[in-house]
Amino acid sequence: MFLDLLAAQKEVRPDGKVGLTGYCMGGGMVVRTAAQYPDRVAAGASFHGGGLATDDASSPHRLAGKVRGRLYFGHADQDPFMTPEQIDRLDQALTAAGTVYEAELYGGARHGFTMSDLPVYNREAGDKHWRRLLTLFQETLRPA
């Protein structure tokens, strides 16, 4: 398993806690991994994640009750893959489950806003995403 491989590296703390980052479809992978390995995932971040709260039976939002780590969602306000209705559905599921999370809507941002090599890149939103990600990891992964 990938988490075991990471935990075996000398640069990784012995307790094996990890932080995850997902972009686009990787946002769903963050939620699914955090739900599958709640004792191993300390934090997870999703940026311009798509399809996080759909009607599908396998939608990531349905796993909120299994997540114990802290989550962060940076949503683009102009993202057809994560509509306002889906954002509300995700927020409701996370809140009902008691999941520790923060979600922000990045104004003027389109799907893919973090990717500096794409025309949808948004420097302001991209810089903000780095600040939020690094803060999340500093607060959840630093040794006490």
N, C-alpha and C. Protein backbone atom coordinates (compact mmCIF):
# COMPACT_ATOMS: atom_id res chain seq x y z
N MET A 1 0.83 -1.16 0.00
CA MET A 1 0.00 0.00 0.00
C MET A 1 0.88 1.24 0.00
N PHE A 2 0.43 2.27 -0.69
CA PHE A 2 1.20 3.50 -0.86
C PHE A 2 1.51 4.18 0.46
N LEU A 3 0.56 4.24 1.39
CA LEU A 3 0.80 4.90 2.68
C LEU A 3 1.88 4.16 3.46
N ASP A 4 1.94 2.85 3.36
CA ASP A 4 3.00 2.09 4.03
C ASP A 4 4.36 2.40 3.44
N LEU A 5 4.42 2.55 2.13
CA LEU A 5 5.67 2.91 1.47
C LEU A 5 6.15 4.28 1.96
N LEU A 6 5.23 5.22 2.02
CA LEU A 6 5.61 6.55 2.53
C LEU A 6 6.09 6.49 3.97
N ALA A 7 5.37 5.77 4.81
CA ALA A 7 5.71 5.68 6.23
C ALA A 7 7.08 5.08 6.46
N ALA A 8 7.56 4.27 5.55
CA ALA A 8 8.86 3.62 5.69
C ALA A 8 10.03 4.54 5.34
N GLN A 9 9.75 5.71 4.80
CA GLN A 9 10.82 6.63 4.40
C GLN A 9 11.38 7.36 5.62
N LYS A 10 12.68 7.59 5.63
CA LYS A 10 13.34 8.23 6.78
C LYS A 10 12.86 9.67 6.99
N GLU A 11 12.35 10.32 5.96
CA GLU A 11 11.87 11.69 6.08
C GLU A 11 10.49 11.79 6.70
N VAL A 12 9.83 10.67 6.90
CA VAL A 12 8.46 10.64 7.42
C VAL A 12 8.48 10.32 8.91
N ARG A 13 7.67 11.06 9.66
CA ARG A 13 7.59 10.79 11.11
C ARG A 13 7.17 9.36 11.37
N PRO A 14 7.63 8.78 12.46
CA PRO A 14 7.32 7.38 12.75
C PRO A 14 5.85 7.05 12.93
N ASP A 15 5.02 8.03 13.33
CA ASP A 15 3.61 7.72 13.54
C ASP A 15 2.87 7.52 12.22
N GLY A 16 3.50 7.86 11.10
CA GLY A 16 2.91 7.59 9.80
C GLY A 16 1.78 8.51 9.39
N LYS A 17 1.52 9.58 10.14
CA LYS A 17 0.46 10.53 9.76
C LYS A 17 0.86 11.26 8.49
N VAL A 18 -0.11 11.45 7.60
CA VAL A 18 0.17 12.12 6.33
C VAL A 18 -0.81 13.25 6.08
N GLY A 19 -0.40 14.12 5.18
CA GLY A 19 -1.25 15.16 4.65
C GLY A 19 -1.42 14.91 3.16
N LEU A 20 -2.60 15.12 2.66
CA LEU A 20 -2.92 14.85 1.26
C LEU A 20 -3.33 16.13 0.55
N THR A 21 -2.99 16.22 -0.73
CA THR A 21 -3.41 17.33 -1.57
C THR A 21 -3.97 16.78 -2.86
N GLY A 22 -5.14 17.28 -3.26
CA GLY A 22 -5.74 16.84 -4.51
C GLY A 22 -6.25 18.02 -5.32
N TYR A 23 -6.03 17.92 -6.62
CA TYR A 23 -6.51 18.93 -7.56
C TYR A 23 -7.46 18.24 -8.52
N CYS A 24 -8.56 18.92 -8.86
CA CYS A 24 -9.54 18.36 -9.78
C CYS A 24 -10.05 17.02 -9.22
N MET A 25 -9.93 15.95 -9.98
CA MET A 25 -10.43 14.65 -9.50
C MET A 25 -9.64 14.16 -8.28
N GLY A 26 -8.47 14.73 -8.05
CA GLY A 26 -7.69 14.38 -6.87
C GLY A 26 -8.37 14.80 -5.58
N GLY A 27 -9.28 15.78 -5.65
CA GLY A 27 -10.02 16.16 -4.45
C GLY A 27 -10.86 15.02 -3.92
N GLY A 28 -11.49 14.29 -4.81
CA GLY A 28 -12.26 13.11 -4.40
C GLY A 28 -11.36 12.03 -3.84
N MET A 29 -10.16 11.91 -4.40
CA MET A 29 -9.21 10.92 -3.90
C MET A 29 -8.76 11.27 -2.47
N VAL A 30 -8.62 12.55 -2.19
CA VAL A 30 -8.27 12.99 -0.84
C VAL A 30 -9.35 12.54 0.14
N VAL A 31 -10.61 12.82 -0.17
CA VAL A 31 -11.70 12.46 0.74
C VAL A 31 -11.79 10.95 0.90
N ARG A 32 -11.70 10.23 -0.19
CA ARG A 32 -11.78 8.77 -0.13
C ARG A 32 -10.63 8.16 0.69
N THR A 33 -9.42 8.68 0.50
CA THR A 33 -8.27 8.16 1.25
C THR A 33 -8.40 8.51 2.73
N ALA A 34 -8.82 9.73 3.03
CA ALA A 34 -9.00 10.13 4.43
C ALA A 34 -10.06 9.27 5.11
N ALA A 35 -11.09 8.88 4.38
CA ALA A 35 -12.14 8.02 4.93
C ALA A 35 -11.67 6.58 5.08
N GLN A 36 -10.89 6.11 4.15
CA GLN A 36 -10.40 4.72 4.18
C GLN A 36 -9.33 4.52 5.26
N TYR A 37 -8.54 5.57 5.53
CA TYR A 37 -7.43 5.47 6.48
C TYR A 37 -7.51 6.60 7.52
N PRO A 38 -8.57 6.62 8.30
CA PRO A 38 -8.79 7.75 9.22
C PRO A 38 -7.70 7.89 10.28
N ASP A 39 -7.04 6.80 10.64
CA ASP A 39 -5.99 6.88 11.65
C ASP A 39 -4.66 7.33 11.07
N ARG A 40 -4.55 7.38 9.76
CA ARG A 40 -3.28 7.72 9.11
C ARG A 40 -3.28 9.11 8.48
N VAL A 41 -4.47 9.61 8.13
CA VAL A 41 -4.54 10.90 7.44
C VAL A 41 -4.87 12.00 8.45
N ALA A 42 -3.90 12.89 8.66
CA ALA A 42 -4.09 13.99 9.60
C ALA A 42 -4.78 15.17 8.93
N ALA A 43 -4.55 15.33 7.62
CA ALA A 43 -5.11 16.49 6.92
C ALA A 43 -5.22 16.19 5.43
N GLY A 44 -6.18 16.86 4.81
CA GLY A 44 -6.33 16.74 3.37
C GLY A 44 -6.88 18.03 2.79
N ALA A 45 -6.37 18.39 1.61
CA ALA A 45 -6.82 19.61 0.94
C ALA A 45 -7.24 19.28 -0.48
N SER A 46 -8.31 19.91 -0.91
CA SER A 46 -8.82 19.77 -2.27
C SER A 46 -8.92 21.16 -2.88
N PHE A 47 -8.33 21.32 -4.06
CA PHE A 47 -8.41 22.59 -4.78
C PHE A 47 -9.06 22.35 -6.13
N HIS A 48 -10.03 23.17 -6.44
CA HIS A 48 -10.89 23.04 -7.62
C HIS A 48 -11.27 21.58 -7.86
N GLY A 49 -11.62 20.92 -6.74
CA GLY A 49 -12.09 19.53 -6.81
C GLY A 49 -13.43 19.46 -7.53
N GLY A 50 -13.62 18.42 -8.30
CA GLY A 50 -14.87 18.27 -9.03
C GLY A 50 -15.64 17.04 -8.59
N GLY A 51 -16.96 17.14 -8.64
CA GLY A 51 -17.81 15.99 -8.35
C GLY A 51 -17.70 15.48 -6.93
N LEU A 52 -17.49 16.36 -5.97
CA LEU A 52 -17.32 15.93 -4.57
C LEU A 52 -18.63 15.63 -3.87
N ALA A 53 -19.75 16.05 -4.45
CA ALA A 53 -21.04 15.85 -3.80
C ALA A 53 -22.14 15.71 -4.86
N THR A 54 -22.16 14.56 -5.48
CA THR A 54 -23.14 14.30 -6.54
C THR A 54 -24.21 13.34 -6.03
N ASP A 55 -25.15 13.01 -6.90
CA ASP A 55 -26.19 12.04 -6.56
C ASP A 55 -25.69 10.60 -6.61
N ASP A 56 -24.51 10.39 -7.15
CA ASP A 56 -23.96 9.05 -7.30
C ASP A 56 -23.74 8.38 -5.94
N ALA A 57 -24.01 7.10 -5.87
CA ALA A 57 -23.85 6.35 -4.62
C ALA A 57 -22.40 6.35 -4.13
N SER A 58 -21.45 6.55 -5.02
CA SER A 58 -20.04 6.54 -4.62
C SER A 58 -19.47 7.95 -4.47
N SER A 59 -20.32 8.95 -4.38
CA SER A 59 -19.87 10.32 -4.24
C SER A 59 -19.07 10.50 -2.94
N PRO A 60 -17.94 11.19 -3.01
CA PRO A 60 -17.08 11.36 -1.83
C PRO A 60 -17.78 11.94 -0.60
N HIS A 61 -18.75 12.82 -0.78
CA HIS A 61 -19.39 13.44 0.38
C HIS A 61 -20.08 12.41 1.28
N ARG A 62 -20.42 11.28 0.73
CA ARG A 62 -21.10 10.23 1.52
C ARG A 62 -20.15 9.58 2.53
N LEU A 63 -18.87 9.85 2.44
CA LEU A 63 -17.87 9.26 3.33
C LEU A 63 -17.49 10.19 4.47
N ALA A 64 -18.10 11.34 4.56
CA ALA A 64 -17.71 12.36 5.54
C ALA A 64 -17.63 11.81 6.97
N GLY A 65 -18.53 10.95 7.34
CA GLY A 65 -18.56 10.42 8.70
C GLY A 65 -17.37 9.53 9.05
N LYS A 66 -16.61 9.11 8.07
CA LYS A 66 -15.45 8.25 8.32
C LYS A 66 -14.15 9.03 8.44
N VAL A 67 -14.18 10.30 8.08
CA VAL A 67 -12.98 11.13 8.08
C VAL A 67 -12.71 11.67 9.48
N ARG A 68 -11.49 11.50 9.97
CA ARG A 68 -11.10 12.05 11.28
C ARG A 68 -10.10 13.19 11.15
N GLY A 69 -9.40 13.25 10.02
CA GLY A 69 -8.44 14.32 9.81
C GLY A 69 -9.14 15.61 9.45
N ARG A 70 -8.38 16.67 9.44
CA ARG A 70 -8.90 18.00 9.09
C ARG A 70 -8.85 18.17 7.58
N LEU A 71 -9.91 18.73 7.03
CA LEU A 71 -10.00 18.93 5.58
C LEU A 71 -10.11 20.41 5.23
N TYR A 72 -9.63 20.73 4.05
CA TYR A 72 -9.75 22.08 3.49
C TYR A 72 -10.18 21.96 2.04
N PHE A 73 -11.14 22.78 1.65
CA PHE A 73 -11.63 22.81 0.27
C PHE A 73 -11.52 24.23 -0.27
N GLY A 74 -10.77 24.38 -1.36
CA GLY A 74 -10.68 25.65 -2.06
C GLY A 74 -11.45 25.54 -3.36
N HIS A 75 -12.68 26.05 -3.36
CA HIS A 75 -13.57 25.94 -4.52
C HIS A 75 -13.41 27.16 -5.44
N ALA A 76 -13.44 26.92 -6.73
CA ALA A 76 -13.47 28.00 -7.71
C ALA A 76 -14.91 28.46 -7.86
N ASP A 77 -15.13 29.77 -7.90
CA ASP A 77 -16.50 30.25 -8.01
C ASP A 77 -17.05 30.13 -9.43
N GLN A 78 -16.21 29.77 -10.38
CA GLN A 78 -16.64 29.59 -11.77
C GLN A 78 -16.27 28.18 -12.23
N ASP A 79 -16.79 27.19 -11.52
CA ASP A 79 -16.40 25.80 -11.78
C ASP A 79 -17.62 24.94 -12.11
N PRO A 80 -17.78 24.54 -13.36
CA PRO A 80 -18.93 23.72 -13.71
C PRO A 80 -18.86 22.30 -13.13
N PHE A 81 -17.70 21.92 -12.62
CA PHE A 81 -17.53 20.57 -12.06
C PHE A 81 -17.81 20.51 -10.56
N MET A 82 -18.03 21.68 -9.95
CA MET A 82 -18.40 21.76 -8.54
C MET A 82 -19.32 22.96 -8.40
N THR A 83 -20.60 22.70 -8.64
CA THR A 83 -21.61 23.76 -8.66
C THR A 83 -21.94 24.25 -7.24
N PRO A 84 -22.58 25.41 -7.13
CA PRO A 84 -23.00 25.87 -5.81
C PRO A 84 -23.86 24.84 -5.06
N GLU A 85 -24.70 24.12 -5.80
CA GLU A 85 -25.52 23.09 -5.15
C GLU A 85 -24.66 21.97 -4.59
N GLN A 86 -23.63 21.58 -5.33
CA GLN A 86 -22.73 20.54 -4.83
C GLN A 86 -21.92 21.04 -3.63
N ILE A 87 -21.50 22.29 -3.67
CA ILE A 87 -20.76 22.85 -2.54
C ILE A 87 -21.64 22.83 -1.29
N ASP A 88 -22.92 23.23 -1.43
CA ASP A 88 -23.85 23.19 -0.30
C ASP A 88 -24.04 21.77 0.21
N ARG A 89 -24.19 20.82 -0.70
CA ARG A 89 -24.38 19.42 -0.31
C ARG A 89 -23.15 18.90 0.44
N LEU A 90 -21.97 19.25 -0.05
CA LEU A 90 -20.73 18.84 0.63
C LEU A 90 -20.66 19.45 2.01
N ASP A 91 -20.93 20.75 2.12
CA ASP A 91 -20.91 21.42 3.43
C ASP A 91 -21.90 20.77 4.40
N GLN A 92 -23.09 20.47 3.93
CA GLN A 92 -24.09 19.85 4.79
C GLN A 92 -23.63 18.48 5.29
N ALA A 93 -23.04 17.68 4.40
CA ALA A 93 -22.57 16.34 4.79
C ALA A 93 -21.43 16.43 5.79
N LEU A 94 -20.48 17.32 5.56
CA LEU A 94 -19.35 17.47 6.47
C LEU A 94 -19.79 17.99 7.83
N THR A 95 -20.69 18.97 7.82
CA THR A 95 -21.21 19.52 9.08
C THR A 95 -21.99 18.47 9.85
N ALA A 96 -22.87 17.75 9.18
CA ALA A 96 -23.67 16.71 9.84
C ALA A 96 -22.80 15.62 10.43
N ALA A 97 -21.67 15.32 9.78
CA ALA A 97 -20.77 14.27 10.25
C ALA A 97 -19.84 14.76 11.36
N GLY A 98 -19.80 16.06 11.58
CA GLY A 98 -18.89 16.61 12.59
C GLY A 98 -17.45 16.66 12.12
N THR A 99 -17.25 16.63 10.82
CA THR A 99 -15.90 16.68 10.26
C THR A 99 -15.31 18.07 10.47
N VAL A 100 -14.05 18.10 10.87
CA VAL A 100 -13.35 19.37 11.02
C VAL A 100 -12.88 19.78 9.63
N TYR A 101 -13.39 20.90 9.15
CA TYR A 101 -13.05 21.32 7.79
C TYR A 101 -13.25 22.82 7.64
N GLU A 102 -12.67 23.32 6.57
CA GLU A 102 -12.88 24.69 6.15
C GLU A 102 -13.08 24.66 4.64
N ALA A 103 -13.99 25.47 4.15
CA ALA A 103 -14.22 25.58 2.72
C ALA A 103 -14.27 27.06 2.36
N GLU A 104 -13.61 27.39 1.26
CA GLU A 104 -13.60 28.77 0.78
C GLU A 104 -13.93 28.78 -0.70
N LEU A 105 -14.59 29.84 -1.09
CA LEU A 105 -14.90 30.07 -2.50
C LEU A 105 -13.90 31.11 -3.01
N TYR A 106 -13.12 30.72 -3.98
CA TYR A 106 -12.11 31.60 -4.55
C TYR A 106 -12.75 32.44 -5.65
N GLY A 107 -12.95 33.73 -5.38
CA GLY A 107 -13.61 34.62 -6.32
C GLY A 107 -12.78 34.87 -7.57
N GLY A 108 -13.45 34.87 -8.70
CA GLY A 108 -12.78 35.11 -9.98
C GLY A 108 -11.98 33.93 -10.47
N ALA A 109 -12.16 32.77 -9.85
CA ALA A 109 -11.36 31.59 -10.19
C ALA A 109 -12.18 30.60 -11.00
N ARG A 110 -11.50 29.98 -11.94
CA ARG A 110 -12.12 28.93 -12.76
C ARG A 110 -11.49 27.59 -12.40
N HIS A 111 -12.14 26.53 -12.85
CA HIS A 111 -11.60 25.19 -12.62
C HIS A 111 -10.18 25.13 -13.18
N GLY A 112 -9.24 24.71 -12.34
CA GLY A 112 -7.85 24.63 -12.75
C GLY A 112 -7.04 25.86 -12.37
N PHE A 113 -7.58 26.72 -11.52
CA PHE A 113 -6.95 28.00 -11.22
C PHE A 113 -5.54 27.91 -10.66
N THR A 114 -5.12 26.78 -10.15
CA THR A 114 -3.77 26.64 -9.57
C THR A 114 -2.70 26.31 -10.60
N MET A 115 -3.10 25.94 -11.78
CA MET A 115 -2.16 25.44 -12.78
C MET A 115 -1.58 26.58 -13.61
N SER A 116 -0.34 26.96 -13.29
CA SER A 116 0.27 28.13 -13.90
C SER A 116 0.54 27.98 -15.40
N ASP A 117 0.49 26.77 -15.91
CA ASP A 117 0.75 26.55 -17.33
C ASP A 117 -0.54 26.47 -18.15
N LEU A 118 -1.67 26.79 -17.54
CA LEU A 118 -2.95 26.77 -18.25
C LEU A 118 -3.55 28.16 -18.34
N PRO A 119 -4.37 28.41 -19.36
CA PRO A 119 -4.97 29.75 -19.49
C PRO A 119 -5.93 30.10 -18.35
N VAL A 120 -6.41 29.14 -17.59
CA VAL A 120 -7.32 29.42 -16.48
C VAL A 120 -6.59 29.82 -15.20
N TYR A 121 -5.27 29.81 -15.24
CA TYR A 121 -4.48 30.15 -14.06
C TYR A 121 -4.88 31.52 -13.52
N ASN A 122 -4.99 31.59 -12.20
CA ASN A 122 -5.33 32.83 -11.51
C ASN A 122 -4.26 33.03 -10.43
N ARG A 123 -3.38 33.98 -10.65
CA ARG A 123 -2.24 34.17 -9.74
C ARG A 123 -2.69 34.42 -8.30
N GLU A 124 -3.66 35.28 -8.11
CA GLU A 124 -4.13 35.59 -6.76
C GLU A 124 -4.68 34.34 -6.07
N ALA A 125 -5.52 33.61 -6.76
CA ALA A 125 -6.08 32.39 -6.19
C ALA A 125 -5.00 31.32 -6.01
N GLY A 126 -4.08 31.25 -6.95
CA GLY A 126 -2.99 30.28 -6.84
C GLY A 126 -2.11 30.55 -5.64
N ASP A 127 -1.78 31.83 -5.42
CA ASP A 127 -0.98 32.18 -4.24
C ASP A 127 -1.73 31.88 -2.95
N LYS A 128 -3.02 32.19 -2.95
CA LYS A 128 -3.85 31.93 -1.76
C LYS A 128 -3.89 30.42 -1.47
N HIS A 129 -4.00 29.63 -2.52
CA HIS A 129 -4.06 28.17 -2.32
C HIS A 129 -2.79 27.67 -1.64
N TRP A 130 -1.62 28.20 -2.02
CA TRP A 130 -0.37 27.79 -1.37
C TRP A 130 -0.37 28.18 0.10
N ARG A 131 -0.82 29.39 0.41
CA ARG A 131 -0.86 29.82 1.81
C ARG A 131 -1.77 28.91 2.64
N ARG A 132 -2.95 28.60 2.10
CA ARG A 132 -3.89 27.75 2.84
C ARG A 132 -3.34 26.33 3.02
N LEU A 133 -2.74 25.79 1.97
CA LEU A 133 -2.19 24.43 2.04
C LEU A 133 -1.06 24.35 3.06
N LEU A 134 -0.12 25.27 2.99
CA LEU A 134 1.02 25.24 3.90
C LEU A 134 0.57 25.46 5.35
N THR A 135 -0.39 26.34 5.57
CA THR A 135 -0.91 26.54 6.92
C THR A 135 -1.57 25.27 7.44
N LEU A 136 -2.39 24.64 6.62
CA LEU A 136 -3.04 23.39 7.02
C LEU A 136 -2.01 22.35 7.45
N PHE A 137 -0.98 22.18 6.65
CA PHE A 137 0.04 21.17 6.97
C PHE A 137 0.87 21.58 8.18
N GLN A 138 1.19 22.85 8.32
CA GLN A 138 1.93 23.30 9.50
C GLN A 138 1.14 23.05 10.78
N GLU A 139 -0.15 23.25 10.71
CA GLU A 139 -1.00 23.10 11.91
C GLU A 139 -1.34 21.65 12.22
N THR A 140 -1.22 20.76 11.26
CA THR A 140 -1.66 19.38 11.50
C THR A 140 -0.53 18.35 11.46
N LEU A 141 0.58 18.68 10.84
CA LEU A 141 1.63 17.68 10.64
C LEU A 141 2.91 17.96 11.43
N ARG A 142 3.04 19.12 11.98
CA ARG A 142 4.25 19.43 12.74
C ARG A 142 4.28 18.63 14.04
N PRO A 143 5.44 18.11 14.38
CA PRO A 143 5.54 17.40 15.68
C PRO A 143 5.25 18.35 16.83
N ALA A 144 4.65 17.82 17.87
CA ALA A 144 4.31 18.65 19.05
C ALA A 144 5.54 19.01 19.84
